[in-house]
């Protein structure tokens, strides 16, 4: 499925962070400092997500990104079917989604907040810190709706949050500090050796 580019009027309250990323408003579009224009991306399927991030099946825990405003937020979901590979072992008499997989699903949606910025598309990422909370047991058949927000992105360090909902009720949440190692390397001080 190809990506649909939809024009989005960017509200002034969101522009502080966007402008710190070298992005300015140009009418109803966003424009990078090098002149590339883009707007809201919608309906990015799991296969198309692989153009932006390095996760692959069976470690892909998002079915679709419903919408993403690069440098700001992303929304996506994962429906946990009865035939997920982890349910037989977790647990045979009471199958439920492990917390690690809930966190990974939220992280994969969060990654799209900054890996959809053209300069970072397809880059490898690393995790520095994650703080997760699990509020509800997820069982086969549940759809986890995820909303992620990028609160800071500087020198290859991305900070933000994600919340997961089942049936509109809070199910899990996480705070992330992630890195793009290639970008951090550009800022590393190179010491001279005698």
Protein backbone atom coordinates (compact mmCIF):
# COMPACT_ATOMS: atom_id res chain seq x y z
CA UNK A 1 0.00 0.00 0.00
CA UNK A 2 1.46 3.37 -0.91
CA UNK A 3 1.66 6.23 1.55
CA UNK A 4 -1.00 8.88 1.40
CA UNK A 5 0.23 12.41 1.96
CA UNK A 6 -2.42 14.56 3.54
CA UNK A 7 -2.08 18.28 4.02
CA UNK A 8 -2.20 19.27 7.68
CA UNK A 9 -2.51 22.72 9.17
CA UNK A 10 0.10 22.79 11.93
CA UNK A 11 -1.03 24.55 15.07
CA UNK A 12 1.35 27.09 16.58
CA UNK A 13 1.60 25.24 19.92
CA UNK A 14 3.36 22.33 18.20
CA UNK A 15 5.78 24.47 16.24
CA UNK A 16 8.31 25.07 19.05
CA UNK A 17 9.58 21.51 18.88
CA UNK A 18 9.24 21.32 15.11
CA UNK A 19 11.30 24.48 14.60
CA UNK A 20 14.01 23.09 16.92
CA UNK A 21 14.32 20.21 14.44
CA UNK A 22 15.09 22.64 11.58
CA UNK A 23 11.51 22.50 10.29
CA UNK A 24 9.40 25.53 9.49
CA UNK A 25 5.80 26.06 8.51
CA UNK A 26 5.12 26.92 4.87
CA UNK A 27 1.39 27.38 4.42
CA UNK A 28 -0.24 24.05 5.26
CA UNK A 29 2.96 22.03 4.80
CA UNK A 30 6.10 21.56 6.86
CA UNK A 31 9.42 22.39 5.25
CA UNK A 32 12.86 21.15 6.29
CA UNK A 33 15.83 23.50 6.23
CA UNK A 34 16.95 21.91 2.92
CA UNK A 35 13.62 22.80 1.26
CA UNK A 36 11.94 19.36 1.36
CA UNK A 37 8.20 19.66 2.10
CA UNK A 38 6.05 17.05 3.82
CA UNK A 39 2.91 16.69 5.89
CA UNK A 40 0.86 14.10 7.71
CA UNK A 41 1.48 10.48 6.67
CA UNK A 42 -1.42 8.05 7.01
CA UNK A 43 -2.10 4.31 6.73
CA UNK A 44 1.43 2.93 6.81
CA UNK A 45 1.13 -0.86 6.87
CA UNK A 46 3.56 -3.26 8.55
CA UNK A 47 5.39 -3.91 5.28
CA UNK A 48 5.82 -0.18 4.54
CA UNK A 49 6.97 0.42 8.14
CA UNK A 50 10.06 -1.63 7.32
CA UNK A 51 11.25 1.25 5.11
CA UNK A 52 11.44 3.43 8.24
CA UNK A 53 12.62 1.11 11.01
CA UNK A 54 14.78 -1.99 11.37
CA UNK A 55 12.25 -4.30 13.11
CA UNK A 56 11.18 -7.37 11.13
CA UNK A 57 8.83 -10.30 11.79
CA UNK A 58 8.55 -12.05 14.17
CA UNK A 59 9.67 -8.98 16.14
CA UNK A 60 7.18 -6.61 14.45
CA UNK A 61 4.35 -5.72 16.83
CA UNK A 62 2.42 -3.05 14.94
CA UNK A 63 -0.19 -3.87 12.28
CA UNK A 64 -0.57 -0.34 10.96
CA UNK A 65 0.41 3.25 11.64
CA UNK A 66 -2.82 5.17 11.24
CA UNK A 67 -1.18 8.58 11.14
CA UNK A 68 2.14 10.21 11.91
CA UNK A 69 3.25 13.81 11.89
CA UNK A 70 7.04 13.51 11.56
CA UNK A 71 8.82 15.12 14.49
CA UNK A 72 5.66 15.26 16.61
CA UNK A 73 3.40 12.21 17.08
CA UNK A 74 2.28 8.82 15.74
CA UNK A 75 -0.81 6.64 16.18
CA UNK A 76 -0.98 2.93 15.40
CA UNK A 77 -2.39 -0.38 16.56
CA UNK A 78 -1.72 -4.08 17.04
CA UNK A 79 -4.46 -6.73 17.15
CA UNK A 80 -3.30 -9.75 19.12
CA UNK A 81 -4.73 -12.84 17.42
CA UNK A 82 -5.07 -16.27 19.00
CA UNK A 83 -2.20 -17.64 16.90
CA UNK A 84 0.53 -15.26 18.16
CA UNK A 85 3.75 -17.22 18.72
CA UNK A 86 4.02 -16.29 22.43
CA UNK A 87 0.52 -17.29 23.64
CA UNK A 88 1.17 -21.06 23.96
CA UNK A 89 4.01 -20.38 26.42
CA UNK A 90 2.54 -17.30 28.16
CA UNK A 91 0.49 -19.01 29.61
CA UNK A 92 -1.10 -22.27 28.43
CA UNK A 93 -4.06 -22.00 30.82
CA UNK A 94 -4.35 -18.17 30.75
CA UNK A 95 -2.87 -16.69 27.53
CA UNK A 96 -1.98 -13.00 27.80
CA UNK A 97 0.41 -10.56 26.13
CA UNK A 98 3.78 -10.32 27.94
CA UNK A 99 4.69 -6.85 29.20
CA UNK A 100 7.87 -6.88 27.12
CA UNK A 101 5.82 -7.21 23.93
CA UNK A 102 3.42 -4.46 25.00
CA UNK A 103 6.43 -2.19 25.57
CA UNK A 104 7.97 -3.16 22.23
CA UNK A 105 4.71 -2.37 20.41
CA UNK A 106 4.63 1.08 22.02
CA UNK A 107 8.31 1.61 21.17
CA UNK A 108 7.75 0.71 17.51
CA UNK A 109 5.00 3.33 17.23
CA UNK A 110 7.22 5.85 19.06
CA UNK A 111 10.07 5.17 16.59
CA UNK A 112 7.85 6.42 13.79
CA UNK A 113 7.70 9.90 15.41
CA UNK A 114 11.30 10.58 14.35
CA UNK A 115 12.27 7.88 11.82
CA UNK A 116 9.71 9.37 9.42
CA UNK A 117 11.81 12.53 9.28
CA UNK A 118 13.56 12.15 5.92
CA UNK A 119 17.10 12.46 7.30
CA UNK A 120 16.58 9.51 9.67
CA UNK A 121 14.51 7.12 7.55
CA UNK A 122 15.69 3.52 7.97
CA UNK A 123 18.36 4.30 10.58
CA UNK A 124 19.23 1.80 13.29
CA UNK A 125 18.14 2.74 16.79
CA UNK A 126 19.10 1.80 20.31
CA UNK A 127 17.36 1.98 23.66
CA UNK A 128 18.86 3.93 26.55
CA UNK A 129 15.96 3.97 29.02
CA UNK A 130 12.37 2.67 29.18
CA UNK A 131 9.88 3.03 32.02
CA UNK A 132 6.72 1.01 31.48
CA UNK A 133 3.43 0.58 33.34
CA UNK A 134 0.88 -2.16 32.73
CA UNK A 135 -2.66 -1.35 33.77
CA UNK A 136 -4.73 -4.09 32.15
CA UNK A 137 -4.22 -7.71 31.12
CA UNK A 138 -4.21 -8.05 27.31
CA UNK A 139 -5.66 -11.30 25.99
CA UNK A 140 -6.09 -12.88 22.54
CA UNK A 141 -8.49 -10.83 20.43
CA UNK A 142 -7.60 -7.48 22.04
CA UNK A 143 -6.65 -4.55 19.83
CA UNK A 144 -4.02 -2.32 21.41
CA UNK A 145 -4.38 1.27 20.12
CA UNK A 146 -1.17 3.23 20.66
CA UNK A 147 -0.54 6.97 20.71
CA UNK A 148 3.08 8.18 20.90
CA UNK A 149 4.50 11.69 21.24
CA UNK A 150 8.04 12.95 20.68
CA UNK A 151 8.88 15.50 23.39
CA UNK A 152 12.55 16.10 22.55
CA UNK A 153 14.91 15.16 19.73
CA UNK A 154 18.49 16.47 19.81
CA UNK A 155 21.81 15.08 18.58
CA UNK A 156 20.35 11.64 17.96
CA UNK A 157 18.58 11.32 21.33
CA UNK A 158 14.80 10.97 21.20
CA UNK A 159 12.64 11.34 24.30
CA UNK A 160 8.93 10.77 24.43
CA UNK A 161 5.94 8.85 25.67
CA UNK A 162 3.44 6.28 24.46
CA UNK A 163 0.07 5.17 25.78
CA UNK A 164 -1.79 2.00 24.88
CA UNK A 165 -5.57 1.62 25.03
CA UNK A 166 -7.90 -1.37 24.75
CA UNK A 167 -11.51 -0.47 24.03
CA UNK A 168 -10.74 3.17 24.84
CA UNK A 169 -9.49 2.33 28.34
CA UNK A 170 -5.82 2.78 29.39
CA UNK A 171 -3.95 -0.53 29.22
CA UNK A 172 -0.24 0.39 29.31
CA UNK A 173 2.13 3.33 29.04
CA UNK A 174 5.83 4.00 28.66
CA UNK A 175 8.45 6.73 28.67
CA UNK A 176 11.34 6.29 26.25
CA UNK A 177 14.85 7.57 25.70
CA UNK A 178 16.11 6.16 22.42
CA UNK A 179 19.14 6.87 20.28
CA UNK A 180 20.25 6.85 16.67
CA UNK A 181 23.89 5.70 17.06
CA UNK A 182 25.00 7.06 13.66
CA UNK A 183 23.85 10.56 14.63
CA UNK A 184 25.40 10.44 18.11
CA UNK A 185 28.71 9.39 16.57
CA UNK A 186 28.78 12.64 14.57
CA UNK A 187 28.85 14.61 17.86
CA UNK A 188 31.42 12.48 19.67
CA UNK A 189 34.64 14.29 20.50
CA UNK A 190 37.55 12.54 18.87
CA UNK A 191 40.56 12.49 21.19
CA UNK A 192 43.99 12.68 19.65
CA UNK A 193 46.34 9.91 20.68
CA UNK A 194 50.03 10.70 21.22
